[in-house]
Amino acid sequence: MDDDVGFKQRYIENIRRMDPIEEAEFFERWKQQCGITYIEIARKIGKSVDYIYKRIRLLELPESAKDEIKRKYKRFRNHQYI
């Protein structure tokens, strides 16, 4: 249970810095290491289950597509702060 609380805290602290792929990887690690479901994760962070599943589906993309998402997200995030 302590791991679960730690994951929630790390999510809250880092969500603004995570791109969608990193967020999906985070959800997957949380699920695997704490033995909880995506439904439970959604409840804990106040997101819809659909949101979680859409993020997880990103992990099925080819590496080139994931890299492109990361690159575009980084560019978008940098422009937000200008």
Protein backbone atom coordinates (compact mmCIF):
# COMPACT_ATOMS: atom_id res chain seq x y z
CA MET A 1 0.00 0.00 0.00
CA ASP A 2 2.88 2.38 0.70
CA ASP A 3 4.08 1.87 -2.88
CA ASP A 4 0.61 2.77 -4.08
CA VAL A 5 0.60 6.03 -2.10
CA GLY A 6 4.10 6.78 -3.37
CA PHE A 7 3.00 6.29 -6.97
CA LYS A 8 0.07 8.65 -6.51
CA GLN A 9 2.34 11.28 -4.96
CA ARG A 10 4.90 10.96 -7.77
CA TYR A 11 2.13 11.28 -10.35
CA ILE A 12 0.83 14.48 -8.74
CA GLU A 13 4.35 15.92 -8.53
CA ASN A 14 5.36 15.05 -12.10
CA ILE A 15 2.23 15.19 -14.28
CA ARG A 16 3.10 18.60 -15.71
CA ARG A 17 6.46 17.31 -16.93
CA MET A 18 5.26 14.01 -18.42
CA ASP A 19 4.43 13.60 -22.07
CA PRO A 20 1.57 11.20 -22.94
CA ILE A 21 3.95 8.27 -23.50
CA GLU A 22 5.71 8.82 -20.18
CA GLU A 23 2.33 9.04 -18.50
CA ALA A 24 1.25 5.73 -20.06
CA GLU A 25 4.50 4.07 -18.97
CA PHE A 26 3.96 5.44 -15.47
CA PHE A 27 0.43 3.97 -15.33
CA GLU A 28 1.74 0.61 -16.52
CA ARG A 29 4.52 0.56 -13.86
CA TRP A 30 1.98 1.55 -11.18
CA LYS A 31 -0.32 -1.29 -12.21
CA GLN A 32 2.47 -3.88 -12.35
CA GLN A 33 4.29 -2.91 -9.16
CA CYS A 34 1.23 -2.34 -6.97
CA GLY A 35 -1.06 -4.99 -8.42
CA ILE A 36 -3.95 -2.60 -8.99
CA THR A 37 -6.22 -2.12 -11.99
CA TYR A 38 -6.45 0.78 -14.39
CA ILE A 39 -9.89 1.45 -12.93
CA GLU A 40 -8.36 1.90 -9.49
CA ILE A 41 -5.67 4.18 -10.91
CA ALA A 42 -8.34 6.31 -12.60
CA ARG A 43 -10.20 6.71 -9.31
CA LYS A 44 -7.06 7.59 -7.39
CA ILE A 45 -6.04 10.39 -9.75
CA GLY A 46 -9.50 11.67 -10.68
CA LYS A 47 -9.34 10.72 -14.36
CA SER A 48 -11.79 8.67 -16.39
CA VAL A 49 -11.08 5.03 -17.09
CA ASP A 50 -11.29 5.90 -20.78
CA TYR A 51 -8.46 8.43 -20.31
CA ILE A 52 -6.25 5.75 -18.74
CA TYR A 53 -7.00 3.18 -21.44
CA LYS A 54 -6.31 5.68 -24.23
CA ARG A 55 -2.94 6.46 -22.70
CA ILE A 56 -2.09 2.77 -22.32
CA ARG A 57 -2.97 2.13 -25.97
CA LEU A 58 -0.21 4.58 -26.92
CA LEU A 59 2.29 1.98 -25.72
CA GLU A 60 1.21 -0.28 -28.60
CA LEU A 61 2.43 2.23 -31.19
CA PRO A 62 5.70 1.67 -33.08
CA GLU A 63 8.73 3.31 -31.50
CA SER A 64 8.92 5.85 -34.31
CA ALA A 65 5.38 7.03 -33.57
CA LYS A 66 6.10 7.24 -29.83
CA ASP A 67 9.22 9.29 -30.54
CA GLU A 68 7.21 11.66 -32.73
CA ILE A 69 4.60 12.15 -29.99
CA LYS A 70 7.32 12.90 -27.45
CA ARG A 71 9.04 15.34 -29.80
CA LYS A 72 5.85 17.21 -30.64
CA TYR A 73 4.73 17.30 -27.03
CA LYS A 74 8.10 18.70 -25.96
CA ARG A 75 7.88 21.40 -28.63
CA PHE A 76 4.31 22.26 -27.58
CA ARG A 77 5.28 22.41 -23.91
CA ASN A 78 8.23 24.69 -24.67
CA HIS A 79 5.99 27.11 -26.57
CA GLN A 80 3.59 27.30 -23.65
CA TYR A 81 6.24 28.95 -21.51
CA ILE A 82 7.32 31.57 -24.03
